[in-house]
Amino acid sequence: MREFIDAFGEIVDLDDKVTYDYLPDTSKELRDLMFSEIGFAHWYMNYHHPEIFKGHEQEARVKKLIKQFTDGYRKTIDTPIWLKEQIYLFQDETENMC
């Protein structure tokens, strides 16, 4: 069990497939969703509210998650559970931007 405390203070198990029940199951759908999430975060931080996010610690965390996804992408391109975890972590970080 890998515990993770989400943005709401809830403890979730990153190894429990139930954590990711809301996500699609195919690698293609998951990749497309992650690219969409990254694009939204980029737009939101750099164009919609650049005055808030430039140099902000959340900007650094988002960039770290994008790098983590990018670094592992080729090795795990067809591993849905890894993709789901990356999406879950990214959404947890960016959920409170709005």
Protein backbone atom coordinates (compact mmCIF):
# COMPACT_ATOMS: atom_id res chain seq x y z
CA MET A 1 0.00 0.00 0.00
CA ARG A 2 1.33 3.38 -1.03
CA GLU A 3 -0.53 6.04 0.91
CA PHE A 4 -1.12 9.44 -0.60
CA ILE A 5 -2.83 12.38 1.06
CA ASP A 6 -4.92 14.16 -1.55
CA ALA A 7 -5.79 17.86 -1.75
CA PHE A 8 -8.79 17.30 0.53
CA GLY A 9 -6.72 15.59 3.23
CA GLU A 10 -8.09 12.14 2.37
CA ILE A 11 -5.72 9.19 2.48
CA VAL A 12 -5.84 7.10 -0.68
CA ASP A 13 -3.99 3.95 -1.68
CA LEU A 14 -2.18 4.51 -4.96
CA ASP A 15 -1.95 0.72 -5.41
CA ASP A 16 -5.72 0.22 -5.14
CA LYS A 17 -7.34 0.08 -8.57
CA VAL A 18 -10.56 1.48 -7.05
CA THR A 19 -8.75 4.83 -6.70
CA TYR A 20 -8.80 5.11 -10.48
CA ASP A 21 -12.30 3.74 -11.20
CA TYR A 22 -13.40 7.07 -12.69
CA LEU A 23 -10.70 6.97 -15.37
CA PRO A 24 -10.91 5.28 -18.79
CA ASP A 25 -9.15 1.95 -19.29
CA THR A 26 -7.31 2.17 -22.60
CA SER A 27 -3.82 3.57 -22.94
CA LYS A 28 -4.90 5.81 -25.82
CA GLU A 29 -7.77 7.35 -23.85
CA LEU A 30 -5.51 7.82 -20.84
CA ARG A 31 -2.73 9.45 -22.88
CA ASP A 32 -5.25 11.77 -24.54
CA LEU A 33 -6.68 12.70 -21.14
CA MET A 34 -3.23 13.42 -19.69
CA PHE A 35 -2.29 15.58 -22.67
CA SER A 36 -5.56 17.47 -22.22
CA GLU A 37 -4.88 17.97 -18.50
CA ILE A 38 -1.36 19.23 -19.23
CA GLY A 39 -2.66 21.61 -21.89
CA PHE A 40 -5.31 23.03 -19.58
CA ALA A 41 -2.78 23.56 -16.78
CA HIS A 42 -0.39 25.26 -19.21
CA TRP A 43 -3.11 27.60 -20.47
CA TYR A 44 -4.44 28.33 -17.00
CA MET A 45 -1.06 29.10 -15.42
CA ASN A 46 0.58 30.89 -18.36
CA TYR A 47 -2.27 32.73 -20.06
CA HIS A 48 -5.36 32.90 -17.87
CA HIS A 49 -3.70 33.76 -14.55
CA PRO A 50 0.02 34.30 -15.15
CA GLU A 51 0.12 36.92 -12.41
CA ILE A 52 -0.77 34.26 -9.84
CA PHE A 53 1.34 31.33 -10.98
CA LYS A 54 4.61 32.84 -12.25
CA GLY A 55 7.20 31.66 -9.75
CA HIS A 56 4.53 30.13 -7.50
CA GLU A 57 5.31 26.83 -5.77
CA GLN A 58 2.35 25.20 -7.49
CA GLU A 59 3.86 26.02 -10.88
CA ALA A 60 6.98 24.13 -9.81
CA ARG A 61 4.95 21.13 -8.62
CA VAL A 62 2.99 20.99 -11.88
CA LYS A 63 6.21 21.14 -13.91
CA LYS A 64 7.67 18.35 -11.78
CA LEU A 65 4.63 16.15 -12.46
CA ILE A 66 4.85 16.87 -16.20
CA LYS A 67 8.54 15.90 -16.16
CA GLN A 68 7.76 12.74 -14.20
CA PHE A 69 5.13 11.81 -16.79
CA THR A 70 7.46 12.62 -19.67
CA ASP A 71 10.40 10.69 -18.21
CA GLY A 72 8.30 7.56 -17.68
CA TYR A 73 6.13 7.87 -20.76
CA ARG A 74 8.13 5.78 -23.24
CA LYS A 75 8.73 2.98 -20.75
CA THR A 76 5.08 2.79 -19.73
CA ILE A 77 3.22 3.85 -22.85
CA ASP A 78 1.02 0.76 -22.72
CA THR A 79 0.70 0.43 -18.95
CA PRO A 80 -2.76 1.78 -18.06
CA ILE A 81 -2.28 1.58 -14.29
CA TRP A 82 0.84 3.78 -14.47
CA LEU A 83 -0.94 6.26 -16.71
CA LYS A 84 -3.92 6.32 -14.34
CA GLU A 85 -1.68 7.09 -11.38
CA GLN A 86 -0.01 9.95 -13.25
CA ILE A 87 -3.39 11.43 -14.20
CA TYR A 88 -4.70 11.04 -10.67
CA LEU A 89 -1.68 12.83 -9.18
CA PHE A 90 -1.81 15.58 -11.80
CA GLN A 91 -5.52 16.17 -11.34
CA ASP A 92 -5.08 16.25 -7.58
CA GLU A 93 -2.45 18.97 -7.95
CA THR A 94 -4.33 21.06 -10.48
CA GLU A 95 -7.85 20.62 -9.09
CA ASN A 96 -7.44 23.54 -6.70
CA MET A 97 -6.17 25.98 -9.37
CA CYS A 98 -9.67 27.16 -10.29
